[in-house]
């Protein structure tokens, strides 16, 4: 594995900050939806929490490494790489789930009968 430069650390810091904002988005589920799809909602929340926690760890270590070269010498690259990879994997999985959910919602809406205008 190559050694990370200050420029690499700056890019990682930006990436983790954006990921943290994405995970920090406030998702609301309707009670009806949660009752109907409880396991899926719990999986979504758990995956979001894992991604957010991993992002915070990677962001904190990258921030420390960027501003303290002495600390970076003691921080192994894998300590940033592993949580960062977990965070990115969670973001990809949540995005795939979100897109799949939207597609299923659109397809189910097309199957429903259109509303009939009874005004004549």
PDB file of N, CA and C in Angstrom:
ATOM      1  N   UNK A   1       0.839  -1.159   0.000  1.00  0.00           N
ATOM      2  CA  UNK A   1       0.000   0.000   0.000  1.00  0.00           C
ATOM      3  C   UNK A   1       0.893   1.234   0.000  1.00  0.00           C
ATOM      4  N   UNK A   2       0.477   2.231  -0.772  1.00  0.00           N
ATOM      5  CA  UNK A   2       1.305   3.436  -0.864  1.00  0.00           C
ATOM      6  C   UNK A   2       1.070   4.350   0.329  1.00  0.00           C
ATOM      7  N   UNK A   3       2.004   5.218   0.571  1.00  0.00           N
ATOM      8  CA  UNK A   3       1.902   6.173   1.668  1.00  0.00           C
ATOM      9  C   UNK A   3       1.003   7.324   1.240  1.00  0.00           C
ATOM     10  N   UNK A   4       0.133   7.737   2.117  1.00  0.00           N
ATOM     11  CA  UNK A   4      -0.775   8.834   1.815  1.00  0.00           C
ATOM     12  C   UNK A   4      -0.080  10.172   2.021  1.00  0.00           C
ATOM     13  N   UNK A   5      -0.299  11.075   1.079  1.00  0.00           N
ATOM     14  CA  UNK A   5       0.262  12.425   1.177  1.00  0.00           C
ATOM     15  C   UNK A   5      -0.782  13.354   1.808  1.00  0.00           C
ATOM     16  N   UNK A   6      -0.378  14.588   2.048  1.00  0.00           N
ATOM     17  CA  UNK A   6      -1.313  15.576   2.605  1.00  0.00           C
ATOM     18  C   UNK A   6      -2.467  15.832   1.636  1.00  0.00           C
ATOM     19  N   UNK A   7      -2.173  15.821   0.338  1.00  0.00           N
ATOM     20  CA  UNK A   7      -3.242  15.994  -0.654  1.00  0.00           C
ATOM     21  C   UNK A   7      -4.242  14.840  -0.585  1.00  0.00           C
ATOM     22  N   UNK A   8      -3.731  13.606  -0.437  1.00  0.00           N
ATOM     23  CA  UNK A   8      -4.604  12.438  -0.303  1.00  0.00           C
ATOM     24  C   UNK A   8      -5.479  12.554   0.939  1.00  0.00           C
ATOM     25  N   UNK A   9      -4.891  13.007   2.026  1.00  0.00           N
ATOM     26  CA  UNK A   9      -5.643  13.171   3.265  1.00  0.00           C
ATOM     27  C   UNK A   9      -6.736  14.233   3.112  1.00  0.00           C
ATOM     28  N   UNK A  10      -6.431  15.304   2.400  1.00  0.00           N
ATOM     29  CA  UNK A  10      -7.434  16.343   2.147  1.00  0.00           C
ATOM     30  C   UNK A  10      -8.600  15.805   1.327  1.00  0.00           C
ATOM     31  N   UNK A  11      -8.302  15.000   0.311  1.00  0.00           N
ATOM     32  CA  UNK A  11      -9.361  14.389  -0.495  1.00  0.00           C
ATOM     33  C   UNK A  11     -10.197  13.429   0.345  1.00  0.00           C
ATOM     34  N   UNK A  12      -9.535  12.619   1.152  1.00  0.00           N
ATOM     35  CA  UNK A  12     -10.262  11.697   2.023  1.00  0.00           C
ATOM     36  C   UNK A  12     -11.154  12.447   3.002  1.00  0.00           C
ATOM     37  N   UNK A  13     -10.639  13.531   3.534  1.00  0.00           N
ATOM     38  CA  UNK A  13     -11.411  14.334   4.475  1.00  0.00           C
ATOM     39  C   UNK A  13     -12.679  14.866   3.801  1.00  0.00           C
ATOM     40  N   UNK A  14     -12.544  15.338   2.573  1.00  0.00           N
ATOM     41  CA  UNK A  14     -13.707  15.824   1.831  1.00  0.00           C
ATOM     42  C   UNK A  14     -14.705  14.705   1.574  1.00  0.00           C
ATOM     43  N   UNK A  15     -14.212  13.551   1.176  1.00  0.00           N
ATOM     44  CA  UNK A  15     -15.068  12.402   0.914  1.00  0.00           C
ATOM     45  C   UNK A  15     -15.831  11.990   2.166  1.00  0.00           C
ATOM     46  N   UNK A  16     -15.144  11.902   3.280  1.00  0.00           N
ATOM     47  CA  UNK A  16     -15.790  11.486   4.519  1.00  0.00           C
ATOM     48  C   UNK A  16     -16.791  12.529   5.011  1.00  0.00           C
ATOM     49  N   UNK A  17     -16.490  13.807   4.791  1.00  0.00           N
ATOM     50  CA  UNK A  17     -17.433  14.858   5.189  1.00  0.00           C
ATOM     51  C   UNK A  17     -18.727  14.747   4.378  1.00  0.00           C
ATOM     52  N   UNK A  18     -18.611  14.506   3.093  1.00  0.00           N
ATOM     53  CA  UNK A  18     -19.802  14.345   2.248  1.00  0.00           C
ATOM     54  C   UNK A  18     -20.572  13.094   2.651  1.00  0.00           C
ATOM     55  N   UNK A  19     -19.865  12.004   2.914  1.00  0.00           N
ATOM     56  CA  UNK A  19     -20.533  10.783   3.362  1.00  0.00           C
ATOM     57  C   UNK A  19     -21.262  10.999   4.679  1.00  0.00           C
ATOM     58  N   UNK A  20     -20.655  11.738   5.579  1.00  0.00           N
ATOM     59  CA  UNK A  20     -21.283  11.999   6.865  1.00  0.00           C
ATOM     60  C   UNK A  20     -22.568  12.805   6.689  1.00  0.00           C
ATOM     61  N   UNK A  21     -22.536  13.763   5.779  1.00  0.00           N
ATOM     62  CA  UNK A  21     -23.755  14.522   5.484  1.00  0.00           C
ATOM     63  C   UNK A  21     -24.836  13.621   4.893  1.00  0.00           C
ATOM     64  N   UNK A  22     -24.435  12.711   4.018  1.00  0.00           N
ATOM     65  CA  UNK A  22     -25.401  11.793   3.413  1.00  0.00           C
ATOM     66  C   UNK A  22     -26.013  10.873   4.458  1.00  0.00           C
ATOM     67  N   UNK A  23     -25.194  10.338   5.356  1.00  0.00           N
ATOM     68  CA  UNK A  23     -25.718   9.453   6.399  1.00  0.00           C
ATOM     69  C   UNK A  23     -26.533  10.223   7.422  1.00  0.00           C
ATOM     70  N   UNK A  24     -26.204  11.482   7.603  1.00  0.00           N
ATOM     71  CA  UNK A  24     -26.902  12.283   8.591  1.00  0.00           C
ATOM     72  C   UNK A  24     -28.269  12.769   8.125  1.00  0.00           C
ATOM     73  N   UNK A  25     -28.605  12.506   6.854  1.00  0.00           N
ATOM     74  CA  UNK A  25     -29.923  12.895   6.360  1.00  0.00           C
ATOM     75  C   UNK A  25     -30.984  12.231   7.226  1.00  0.00           C
ATOM     76  N   UNK A  26     -31.976  12.975   7.547  1.00  0.00           N
ATOM     77  CA  UNK A  26     -33.000  12.493   8.469  1.00  0.00           C
ATOM     78  C   UNK A  26     -34.073  11.738   7.695  1.00  0.00           C
ATOM     79  N   UNK A  27     -34.076  10.408   7.795  1.00  0.00           N
ATOM     80  CA  UNK A  27     -35.060   9.587   7.106  1.00  0.00           C
ATOM     81  C   UNK A  27     -36.233   9.333   8.026  1.00  0.00           C
ATOM     82  N   UNK A  28     -37.412   9.504   7.502  1.00  0.00           N
ATOM     83  CA  UNK A  28     -38.624   9.239   8.272  1.00  0.00           C
ATOM     84  C   UNK A  28     -39.407   8.138   7.573  1.00  0.00           C
ATOM     85  N   UNK A  29     -39.876   7.210   8.355  1.00  0.00           N
ATOM     86  CA  UNK A  29     -40.718   6.146   7.832  1.00  0.00           C
ATOM     87  C   UNK A  29     -42.108   6.315   8.418  1.00  0.00           C
ATOM     88  N   UNK A  30     -43.111   6.115   7.598  1.00  0.00           N
ATOM     89  CA  UNK A  30     -44.473   6.178   8.132  1.00  0.00           C
ATOM     90  C   UNK A  30     -44.711   4.962   9.022  1.00  0.00           C
ATOM     91  N   UNK A  31     -45.597   5.124   9.982  1.00  0.00           N
ATOM     92  CA  UNK A  31     -45.889   4.013  10.901  1.00  0.00           C
ATOM     93  C   UNK A  31     -46.449   2.820  10.140  1.00  0.00           C
ATOM     94  N   UNK A  32     -47.270   3.110   9.161  1.00  0.00           N
ATOM     95  CA  UNK A  32     -47.869   2.040   8.358  1.00  0.00           C
ATOM     96  C   UNK A  32     -46.774   1.268   7.602  1.00  0.00           C
ATOM     97  N   UNK A  33     -45.839   2.002   7.045  1.00  0.00           N
ATOM     98  CA  UNK A  33     -44.740   1.372   6.303  1.00  0.00           C
ATOM     99  C   UNK A  33     -43.851   0.543   7.223  1.00  0.00           C
ATOM    100  N   UNK A  34     -43.572   1.060   8.422  1.00  0.00           N
ATOM    101  CA  UNK A  34     -42.719   0.329   9.368  1.00  0.00           C
ATOM    102  C   UNK A  34     -43.408  -0.943   9.832  1.00  0.00           C
ATOM    103  N   UNK A  35     -44.728  -0.861  10.091  1.00  0.00           N
ATOM    104  CA  UNK A  35     -45.456  -2.073  10.497  1.00  0.00           C
ATOM    105  C   UNK A  35     -45.436  -3.126   9.399  1.00  0.00           C
ATOM    106  N   UNK A  36     -45.565  -2.681   8.166  1.00  0.00           N
ATOM    107  CA  UNK A  36     -45.615  -3.609   7.050  1.00  0.00           C
ATOM    108  C   UNK A  36     -44.230  -4.175   6.704  1.00  0.00           C
ATOM    109  N   UNK A  37     -43.210  -3.369   6.809  1.00  0.00           N
ATOM    110  CA  UNK A  37     -41.858  -3.764   6.404  1.00  0.00           C
ATOM    111  C   UNK A  37     -40.881  -3.551   7.552  1.00  0.00           C
ATOM    112  N   UNK A  38     -41.159  -4.109   8.699  1.00  0.00           N
ATOM    113  CA  UNK A  38     -40.364  -3.869   9.906  1.00  0.00           C
ATOM    114  C   UNK A  38     -38.917  -4.307   9.741  1.00  0.00           C
ATOM    115  N   UNK A  39     -38.682  -5.491   9.200  1.00  0.00           N
ATOM    116  CA  UNK A  39     -37.306  -5.986   9.048  1.00  0.00           C
ATOM    117  C   UNK A  39     -36.508  -5.118   8.085  1.00  0.00           C
ATOM    118  N   UNK A  40     -37.122  -4.709   7.001  1.00  0.00           N
ATOM    119  CA  UNK A  40     -36.423  -3.858   6.034  1.00  0.00           C
ATOM    120  C   UNK A  40     -36.087  -2.501   6.647  1.00  0.00           C
ATOM    121  N   UNK A  41     -37.015  -1.939   7.413  1.00  0.00           N
ATOM    122  CA  UNK A  41     -36.766  -0.641   8.063  1.00  0.00           C
ATOM    123  C   UNK A  41     -35.642  -0.753   9.084  1.00  0.00           C
ATOM    124  N   UNK A  42     -35.641  -1.842   9.862  1.00  0.00           N
ATOM    125  CA  UNK A  42     -34.564  -2.042  10.839  1.00  0.00           C
ATOM    126  C   UNK A  42     -33.217  -2.239  10.146  1.00  0.00           C
ATOM    127  N   UNK A  43     -33.212  -2.983   9.041  1.00  0.00           N
ATOM    128  CA  UNK A  43     -31.964  -3.182   8.291  1.00  0.00           C
ATOM    129  C   UNK A  43     -31.462  -1.855   7.735  1.00  0.00           C
ATOM    130  N   UNK A  44     -32.368  -1.033   7.220  1.00  0.00           N
ATOM    131  CA  UNK A  44     -31.997   0.267   6.674  1.00  0.00           C
ATOM    132  C   UNK A  44     -31.392   1.163   7.753  1.00  0.00           C
ATOM    133  N   UNK A  45     -32.039   1.213   8.906  1.00  0.00           N
ATOM    134  CA  UNK A  45     -31.542   2.042  10.015  1.00  0.00           C
ATOM    135  C   UNK A  45     -30.198   1.509  10.526  1.00  0.00           C
ATOM    136  N   UNK A  46     -30.078   0.186  10.660  1.00  0.00           N
ATOM    137  CA  UNK A  46     -28.822  -0.412  11.119  1.00  0.00           C
ATOM    138  C   UNK A  46     -27.677  -0.148  10.165  1.00  0.00           C
ATOM    139  N   UNK A  47     -27.939  -0.291   8.871  1.00  0.00           N
ATOM    140  CA  UNK A  47     -26.908  -0.046   7.869  1.00  0.00           C
ATOM    141  C   UNK A  47     -26.514   1.430   7.853  1.00  0.00           C
ATOM    142  N   UNK A  48     -27.493   2.300   8.006  1.00  0.00           N
ATOM    143  CA  UNK A  48     -27.208   3.730   8.061  1.00  0.00           C
ATOM    144  C   UNK A  48     -26.362   4.071   9.291  1.00  0.00           C
ATOM    145  N   UNK A  49     -26.700   3.481  10.438  1.00  0.00           N
ATOM    146  CA  UNK A  49     -25.942   3.722  11.665  1.00  0.00           C
ATOM    147  C   UNK A  49     -24.506   3.212  11.532  1.00  0.00           C
ATOM    148  N   UNK A  50     -24.329   2.012  10.984  1.00  0.00           N
ATOM    149  CA  UNK A  50     -22.987   1.457  10.785  1.00  0.00           C
ATOM    150  C   UNK A  50     -22.167   2.344   9.853  1.00  0.00           C
ATOM    151  N   UNK A  51     -22.774   2.801   8.772  1.00  0.00           N
ATOM    152  CA  UNK A  51     -22.074   3.678   7.835  1.00  0.00           C
ATOM    153  C   UNK A  51     -21.695   5.004   8.466  1.00  0.00           C
ATOM    154  N   UNK A  52     -22.608   5.550   9.265  1.00  0.00           N
ATOM    155  CA  UNK A  52     -22.329   6.828   9.920  1.00  0.00           C
ATOM    156  C   UNK A  52     -21.210   6.690  10.948  1.00  0.00           C
ATOM    157  N   UNK A  53     -21.250   5.631  11.734  1.00  0.00           N
ATOM    158  CA  UNK A  53     -20.212   5.395  12.735  1.00  0.00           C
ATOM    159  C   UNK A  53     -18.846   5.171  12.072  1.00  0.00           C
ATOM    160  N   UNK A  54     -18.805   4.387  11.011  1.00  0.00           N
ATOM    161  CA  UNK A  54     -17.550   4.152  10.285  1.00  0.00           C
ATOM    162  C   UNK A  54     -17.012   5.442   9.691  1.00  0.00           C
ATOM    163  N   UNK A  55     -17.912   6.263   9.173  1.00  0.00           N
ATOM    164  CA  UNK A  55     -17.489   7.540   8.593  1.00  0.00           C
ATOM    165  C   UNK A  55     -16.900   8.458   9.652  1.00  0.00           C
ATOM    166  N   UNK A  56     -17.516   8.490  10.820  1.00  0.00           N
ATOM    167  CA  UNK A  56     -17.006   9.336  11.907  1.00  0.00           C
ATOM    168  C   UNK A  56     -15.604   8.893  12.321  1.00  0.00           C
ATOM    169  N   UNK A  57     -15.399   7.597  12.428  1.00  0.00           N
ATOM    170  CA  UNK A  57     -14.070   7.086  12.803  1.00  0.00           C
ATOM    171  C   UNK A  57     -13.037   7.473  11.755  1.00  0.00           C
ATOM    172  N   UNK A  58     -13.350   7.207  10.485  1.00  0.00           N
ATOM    173  CA  UNK A  58     -12.399   7.519   9.410  1.00  0.00           C
ATOM    174  C   UNK A  58     -12.165   9.026   9.308  1.00  0.00           C
ATOM    175  N   UNK A  59     -13.218   9.814   9.449  1.00  0.00           N
ATOM    176  CA  UNK A  59     -13.090  11.273   9.376  1.00  0.00           C
ATOM    177  C   UNK A  59     -12.211  11.804  10.498  1.00  0.00           C
ATOM    178  N   UNK A  60     -12.423  11.316  11.704  1.00  0.00           N
ATOM    179  CA  UNK A  60     -11.636  11.774  12.849  1.00  0.00           C
ATOM    180  C   UNK A  60     -10.163  11.423  12.687  1.00  0.00           C
ATOM    181  N   UNK A  61      -9.883  10.187  12.298  1.00  0.00           N
ATOM    182  CA  UNK A  61      -8.481   9.784  12.116  1.00  0.00           C
ATOM    183  C   UNK A  61      -7.817  10.555  10.983  1.00  0.00           C
ATOM    184  N   UNK A  62      -8.552  10.813   9.912  1.00  0.00           N
ATOM    185  CA  UNK A  62      -7.994  11.583   8.795  1.00  0.00           C
ATOM    186  C   UNK A  62      -7.723  13.019   9.210  1.00  0.00           C
ATOM    187  N   UNK A  63      -8.634  13.602   9.977  1.00  0.00           N
ATOM    188  CA  UNK A  63      -8.450  14.971  10.459  1.00  0.00           C
ATOM    189  C   UNK A  63      -7.206  15.072  11.341  1.00  0.00           C
ATOM    190  N   UNK A  64      -7.056  14.125  12.254  1.00  0.00           N
ATOM    191  CA  UNK A  64      -5.891  14.124  13.134  1.00  0.00           C
ATOM    192  C   UNK A  64      -4.616  13.958  12.313  1.00  0.00           C
ATOM    193  N   UNK A  65      -4.652  13.041  11.355  1.00  0.00           N
ATOM    194  CA  UNK A  65      -3.466  12.791  10.530  1.00  0.00           C
ATOM    195  C   UNK A  65      -3.104  13.993   9.675  1.00  0.00           C
ATOM    196  N   UNK A  66      -4.103  14.719   9.199  1.00  0.00           N
ATOM    197  CA  UNK A  66      -3.837  15.876   8.345  1.00  0.00           C
ATOM    198  C   UNK A  66      -3.152  17.004   9.106  1.00  0.00           C
ATOM    199  N   UNK A  67      -3.542  17.207  10.360  1.00  0.00           N
ATOM    200  CA  UNK A  67      -3.011  18.330  11.120  1.00  0.00           C
ATOM    201  C   UNK A  67      -1.884  17.965  12.073  1.00  0.00           C
ATOM    202  N   UNK A  68      -1.613  16.653  12.228  1.00  0.00           N
ATOM    203  CA  UNK A  68      -0.525  16.252  13.110  1.00  0.00           C
ATOM    204  C   UNK A  68       0.304  15.149  12.447  1.00  0.00           C
ATOM    205  N   UNK A  69       1.358  15.524  11.741  1.00  0.00           N
ATOM    206  CA  UNK A  69       2.188  14.506  11.088  1.00  0.00           C
ATOM    207  C   UNK A  69       2.773  13.495  12.080  1.00  0.00           C
ATOM    208  N   UNK A  70       3.021  13.918  13.306  1.00  0.00           N
ATOM    209  CA  UNK A  70       3.537  12.975  14.301  1.00  0.00           C
ATOM    210  C   UNK A  70       2.501  11.909  14.615  1.00  0.00           C
ATOM    211  N   UNK A  71       1.238  12.309  14.675  1.00  0.00           N
ATOM    212  CA  UNK A  71       0.170  11.325  14.925  1.00  0.00           C
ATOM    213  C   UNK A  71       0.003  10.408  13.728  1.00  0.00           C
ATOM    214  N   UNK A  72       0.178  10.952  12.505  1.00  0.00           N
ATOM    215  CA  UNK A  72       0.019  10.136  11.300  1.00  0.00           C
ATOM    216  C   UNK A  72       1.051   9.030  11.240  1.00  0.00           C
ATOM    217  N   UNK A  73       2.227   9.298  11.776  1.00  0.00           N
ATOM    218  CA  UNK A  73       3.253   8.250  11.804  1.00  0.00           C
ATOM    219  C   UNK A  73       2.817   7.078  12.672  1.00  0.00           C
ATOM    220  N   UNK A  74       1.988   7.350  13.678  1.00  0.00           N
ATOM    221  CA  UNK A  74       1.531   6.283  14.573  1.00  0.00           C
ATOM    222  C   UNK A  74       0.209   5.656  14.127  1.00  0.00           C
ATOM    223  N   UNK A  75      -0.527   6.323  13.235  1.00  0.00           N
ATOM    224  CA  UNK A  75      -1.807   5.793  12.748  1.00  0.00           C
ATOM    225  C   UNK A  75      -1.536   4.960  11.504  1.00  0.00           C
ATOM    226  N   UNK A  76      -1.903   3.707  11.552  1.00  0.00           N
ATOM    227  CA  UNK A  76      -1.747   2.832  10.399  1.00  0.00           C
ATOM    228  C   UNK A  76      -2.770   3.225   9.333  1.00  0.00           C
ATOM    229  N   UNK A  77      -2.375   3.156   8.067  1.00  0.00           N
ATOM    230  CA  UNK A  77      -3.289   3.482   6.971  1.00  0.00           C
ATOM    231  C   UNK A  77      -4.560   2.640   7.013  1.00  0.00           C
ATOM    232  N   UNK A  78      -4.445   1.407   7.478  1.00  0.00           N
ATOM    233  CA  UNK A  78      -5.608   0.524   7.535  1.00  0.00           C
ATOM    234  C   UNK A  78      -6.660   1.025   8.521  1.00  0.00           C
ATOM    235  N   UNK A  79      -6.244   1.797   9.528  1.00  0.00           N
ATOM    236  CA  UNK A  79      -7.203   2.350  10.481  1.00  0.00           C
ATOM    237  C   UNK A  79      -8.130   3.378   9.826  1.00  0.00           C
ATOM    238  N   UNK A  80      -7.691   3.963   8.731  1.00  0.00           N
ATOM    239  CA  UNK A  80      -8.540   4.866   7.959  1.00  0.00           C
ATOM    240  C   UNK A  80      -9.208   4.097   6.815  1.00  0.00           C
ATOM    241  N   UNK A  81      -8.473   3.187   6.208  1.00  0.00           N
ATOM    242  CA  UNK A  81      -8.971   2.458   5.043  1.00  0.00           C
ATOM    243  C   UNK A  81     -10.156   1.555   5.382  1.00  0.00           C
ATOM    244  N   UNK A  82     -10.087   0.800   6.451  1.00  0.00           N
ATOM    245  CA  UNK A  82     -11.141  -0.166   6.786  1.00  0.00           C
ATOM    246  C   UNK A  82     -12.462   0.534   7.110  1.00  0.00           C
ATOM    247  N   UNK A  83     -12.502   1.500   8.051  1.00  0.00           N
ATOM    248  CA  UNK A  83     -13.788   2.161   8.287  1.00  0.00           C
ATOM    249  C   UNK A  83     -14.276   2.953   7.077  1.00  0.00           C
ATOM    250  N   UNK A  84     -13.355   3.521   6.321  1.00  0.00           N
ATOM    251  CA  UNK A  84     -13.748   4.238   5.110  1.00  0.00           C
ATOM    252  C   UNK A  84     -14.383   3.322   4.085  1.00  0.00           C
ATOM    253  N   UNK A  85     -13.833   2.130   3.936  1.00  0.00           N
ATOM    254  CA  UNK A  85     -14.396   1.152   3.004  1.00  0.00           C
ATOM    255  C   UNK A  85     -15.770   0.688   3.473  1.00  0.00           C
ATOM    256  N   UNK A  86     -15.914   0.465   4.769  1.00  0.00           N
ATOM    257  CA  UNK A  86     -17.218   0.067   5.316  1.00  0.00           C
ATOM    258  C   UNK A  86     -18.242   1.182   5.065  1.00  0.00           C
ATOM    259  N   UNK A  87     -17.855   2.423   5.288  1.00  0.00           N
ATOM    260  CA  UNK A  87     -18.755   3.558   5.080  1.00  0.00           C
ATOM    261  C   UNK A  87     -19.190   3.663   3.623  1.00  0.00           C
ATOM    262  N   UNK A  88     -18.257   3.504   2.711  1.00  0.00           N
ATOM    263  CA  UNK A  88     -18.589   3.589   1.284  1.00  0.00           C
ATOM    264  C   UNK A  88     -19.477   2.420   0.874  1.00  0.00           C
ATOM    265  N   UNK A  89     -19.196   1.229   1.391  1.00  0.00           N
ATOM    266  CA  UNK A  89     -20.029   0.060   1.079  1.00  0.00           C
ATOM    267  C   UNK A  89     -21.457   0.272   1.593  1.00  0.00           C
ATOM    268  N   UNK A  90     -21.591   0.815   2.793  1.00  0.00           N
ATOM    269  CA  UNK A  90     -22.928   1.106   3.341  1.00  0.00           C
ATOM    270  C   UNK A  90     -23.650   2.133   2.473  1.00  0.00           C
ATOM    271  N   UNK A  91     -22.942   3.163   2.045  1.00  0.00           N
ATOM    272  CA  UNK A  91     -23.562   4.193   1.200  1.00  0.00           C
ATOM    273  C   UNK A  91     -24.033   3.595  -0.125  1.00  0.00           C
ATOM    274  N   UNK A  92     -23.228   2.725  -0.717  1.00  0.00           N
ATOM    275  CA  UNK A  92     -23.617   2.090  -1.976  1.00  0.00           C
ATOM    276  C   UNK A  92     -24.839   1.198  -1.768  1.00  0.00           C
ATOM    277  N   UNK A  93     -24.840   0.392  -0.704  1.00  0.00           N
ATOM    278  CA  UNK A  93     -25.972  -0.493  -0.436  1.00  0.00           C
ATOM    279  C   UNK A  93     -27.254   0.296  -0.168  1.00  0.00           C
ATOM    280  N   UNK A  94     -27.148   1.369   0.592  1.00  0.00           N
ATOM    281  CA  UNK A  94     -28.325   2.188   0.860  1.00  0.00           C
ATOM    282  C   UNK A  94     -28.837   2.869  -0.404  1.00  0.00           C
ATOM    283  N   UNK A  95     -27.935   3.273  -1.274  1.00  0.00           N
ATOM    284  CA  UNK A  95     -28.343   3.889  -2.537  1.00  0.00           C
ATOM    285  C   UNK A  95     -29.043   2.876  -3.431  1.00  0.00           C
ATOM    286  N   UNK A  96     -28.492   1.676  -3.522  1.00  0.00           N
ATOM    287  CA  UNK A  96     -29.119   0.622  -4.323  1.00  0.00           C
ATOM    288  C   UNK A  96     -30.503   0.293  -3.765  1.00  0.00           C
ATOM    289  N   UNK A  97     -30.614   0.205  -2.446  1.00  0.00           N
ATOM    290  CA  UNK A  97     -31.909  -0.088  -1.824  1.00  0.00           C
ATOM    291  C   UNK A  97     -32.900   1.032  -2.093  1.00  0.00           C
ATOM    292  N   UNK A  98     -32.458   2.274  -2.012  1.00  0.00           N
ATOM    293  CA  UNK A  98     -33.327   3.414  -2.243  1.00  0.00           C
ATOM    294  C   UNK A  98     -33.829   3.447  -3.683  1.00  0.00           C
ATOM    295  N   UNK A  99     -32.937   3.221  -4.626  1.00  0.00           N
ATOM    296  CA  UNK A  99     -33.330   3.215  -6.041  1.00  0.00           C
ATOM    297  C   UNK A  99     -34.283   2.048  -6.314  1.00  0.00           C
ATOM    298  N   UNK A 100     -33.971   0.880  -5.767  1.00  0.00           N
ATOM    299  CA  UNK A 100     -34.853  -0.282  -5.935  1.00  0.00           C
ATOM    300  C   UNK A 100     -36.232  -0.029  -5.353  1.00  0.00           C
ATOM    301  N   UNK A 101     -36.287   0.595  -4.194  1.00  0.00           N
ATOM    302  CA  UNK A 101     -37.557   0.920  -3.558  1.00  0.00           C
ATOM    303  C   UNK A 101     -38.374   1.889  -4.406  1.00  0.00           C
ATOM    304  N   UNK A 102     -37.711   2.881  -4.965  1.00  0.00           N
ATOM    305  CA  UNK A 102     -38.418   3.842  -5.830  1.00  0.00           C
ATOM    306  C   UNK A 102     -38.963   3.167  -7.084  1.00  0.00           C
ATOM    307  N   UNK A 103     -38.167   2.291  -7.670  1.00  0.00           N
ATOM    308  CA  UNK A 103     -38.617   1.582  -8.876  1.00  0.00           C
ATOM    309  C   UNK A 103     -39.824   0.710  -8.548  1.00  0.00           C
ATOM    310  N   UNK A 104     -39.779  -0.019  -7.433  1.00  0.00           N
ATOM    311  CA  UNK A 104     -40.910  -0.857  -7.040  1.00  0.00           C
ATOM    312  C   UNK A 104     -42.149  -0.009  -6.762  1.00  0.00           C
ATOM    313  N   UNK A 105     -41.963   1.149  -6.159  1.00  0.00           N
ATOM    314  CA  UNK A 105     -43.084   2.050  -5.882  1.00  0.00           C
ATOM    315  C   UNK A 105     -43.714   2.540  -7.187  1.00  0.00           C
ATOM    316  N   UNK A 106     -42.888   2.886  -8.150  1.00  0.00           N
ATOM    317  CA  UNK A 106     -43.391   3.351  -9.444  1.00  0.00           C
ATOM    318  C   UNK A 106     -44.127   2.224 -10.161  1.00  0.00           C
ATOM    319  N   UNK A 107     -43.540   1.024 -10.148  1.00  0.00           N
ATOM    320  CA  UNK A 107     -44.182  -0.108 -10.810  1.00  0.00           C
ATOM    321  C   UNK A 107     -45.507  -0.475 -10.156  1.00  0.00           C
ATOM    322  N   UNK A 108     -45.568  -0.416  -8.832  1.00  0.00           N
ATOM    323  CA  UNK A 108     -46.825  -0.743  -8.150  1.00  0.00           C
ATOM    324  C   UNK A 108     -47.876   0.338  -8.397  1.00  0.00           C
ATOM    325  N   UNK A 109     -47.465   1.575  -8.554  1.00  0.00           N
ATOM    326  CA  UNK A 109     -48.407   2.659  -8.840  1.00  0.00           C
ATOM    327  C   UNK A 109     -48.981   2.513 -10.249  1.00  0.00           C
ATOM    328  N   UNK A 110     -48.194   1.998 -11.187  1.00  0.00           N
ATOM    329  CA  UNK A 110     -48.679   1.785 -12.548  1.00  0.00           C
ATOM    330  C   UNK A 110     -49.715   0.672 -12.601  1.00  0.00           C
ATOM    331  N   UNK A 111     -49.599  -0.324 -11.720  1.00  0.00           N
ATOM    332  CA  UNK A 111     -50.530  -1.447 -11.705  1.00  0.00           C
ATOM    333  C   UNK A 111     -51.895  -1.068 -11.144  1.00  0.00           C
ATOM    334  N   UNK A 112     -51.920  -0.057 -10.284  1.00  0.00           N
ATOM    335  CA  UNK A 112     -53.193   0.376  -9.721  1.00  0.00           C
ATOM    336  C   UNK A 112     -54.039   1.011 -10.812  1.00  0.00           C
ATOM    337  N   UNK A 113     -55.340   0.872 -10.693  1.00  0.00           N
ATOM    338  CA  UNK A 113     -56.233   1.453 -11.676  1.00  0.00           C
ATOM    339  C   UNK A 113     -56.203   2.971 -11.548  1.00  0.00           C
ATOM    340  N   UNK A 114     -56.235   3.664 -12.677  1.00  0.00           N
ATOM    341  CA  UNK A 114     -56.256   5.121 -12.608  1.00  0.00           C
ATOM    342  C   UNK A 114     -57.580   5.606 -12.017  1.00  0.00           C
ATOM    343  N   UNK A 115     -57.510   6.753 -11.375  1.00  0.00           N
ATOM    344  CA  UNK A 115     -58.711   7.343 -10.799  1.00  0.00           C
ATOM    345  C   UNK A 115     -59.631   7.797 -11.939  1.00  0.00           C
ATOM    346  N   UNK A 116     -60.918   7.514 -11.799  1.00  0.00           N
ATOM    347  CA  UNK A 116     -61.889   7.870 -12.833  1.00  0.00           C
ATOM    348  C   UNK A 116     -62.560   9.167 -12.425  1.00  0.00           C
ATOM    349  N   UNK A 117     -62.587  10.094 -13.324  1.00  0.00           N
ATOM    350  CA  UNK A 117     -63.239  11.371 -13.078  1.00  0.00           C
ATOM    351  C   UNK A 117     -64.736  11.173 -13.270  1.00  0.00           C
ATOM    352  N   UNK A 118     -65.517  11.365 -12.225  1.00  0.00           N
ATOM    353  CA  UNK A 118     -66.949  11.091 -12.281  1.00  0.00           C
ATOM    354  C   UNK A 118     -67.760  12.368 -12.501  1.00  0.00           C
ATOM    355  N   UNK A 119     -67.146  13.429 -12.901  1.00  0.00           N
ATOM    356  CA  UNK A 119     -67.877  14.677 -13.136  1.00  0.00           C
ATOM    357  C   UNK A 119     -68.640  14.643 -14.452  1.00  0.00           C
ATOM    358  N   UNK A 120     -68.284  13.722 -15.311  1.00  0.00           N
ATOM    359  CA  UNK A 120     -69.054  13.576 -16.533  1.00  0.00           C
ATOM    360  C   UNK A 120     -68.346  14.071 -17.671  1.00  0.00           C
TER     361      UNK A 120
END
